[in-house]
Amino acid sequence: MLHYSGMPIAALKLDTMRVAKPWGRRTLPTPLGTPNATLSDPVGEIWFEMPGRPLDLMIKYIFTSEKLSIQVHPSDDQARRAGHRQGKEECWYILDAEPGASVGIGTKRKLTADELREACRNGDIESLMEWIPVKRGDFFYIPAGTVHAIGVGISLVEIQQNADITYRLYDYGRPRELHLDHGIDVSNAQPYPAAMRRHVSIEKAGRLVDGPKFKLSIAHESIPRLDGRGPYFVVPLEGIVATDNGVAKPGDCVVTGDPSRVVPLGGARMFVARSCAGDQFRNSPTTIG
């Protein structure tokens, strides 16, 4: 059971962190930002946390005004061999995209480890990536080992295993550290399967991801029961939802051990995610406040 100020509750709106990034945006798409309003600092990410301990999933908004690095994440087994708790698989839902915006996922042809290393060193990797034009509603699942990058002019929601393990392969000449040895060891540099992408409408409720790392659905009038033992994450995309500690709107995230305690209001459209890892509420009580 999750606790807040010593009293048990079933649903909690998580703390929101707006993270300034040089590659972020000074204007955010509606309803996350105010129309025609310009931010003093470019916001690159919005993410959520629960004081006390990390959760198995991370929900994150990403906003870009520059290309992000070409990178890769390890699998669970690869991450554990390196001393980490778990690896990272993730998915993206495109909220907004400027004309011509694209994401890079996979490579145009299969590359050997030596070919990938040389391409990252000389910059050819950018032209070897498969750059996919995007628009609102496009959805991509990114398995561990997939070489990927987010392009310019994109706002998206990312649902991921909560693991801070990113191996940067190429960064367009910027002076940040690269991780070629680790990254190439875990990379599957090959074409991205068409079955991993689709265009979805949030007006149609249904399952988007069915494991094995996490489950994800679009929901409307109620929170669906998802198989698994972890907590539920509720991400409003339109409308609002009522929780035990207030109302959540687009740009918020709710975590709950009891989905019936999250009440959609006002034609809400939301993502509902659940990790397939352990149950942190039941096994590891957390006190907040």
Foldseek 3Di string as FASTA:
>chain_A
DAAEQRHDFFKDWFDKDFDFDPFAAQADDPPVGDPPGGHPGGTAKIWTADPDDGFQKIKMKGGGAFKAFFWFKAAQVLQVVVPDRGIKKKKKAWAAFDPPFWKFKAFPAWDALVRLLVCLVVVVVVVRTDTGDDGGQKMFIHDGQITIIGGHGTIIMMMMGPDPGMAGRHGPPDPDDHRSVSGSVRHGRGDDDPVRMDGDDLVDWDWDDQDDFKTKIKDWFFDDDHDAAAWKKKAWPQAWKAAPVGIDHHSIIMTGPDRRRIGGPDRTIIMIMGGNDHYCVVPPYDYHD
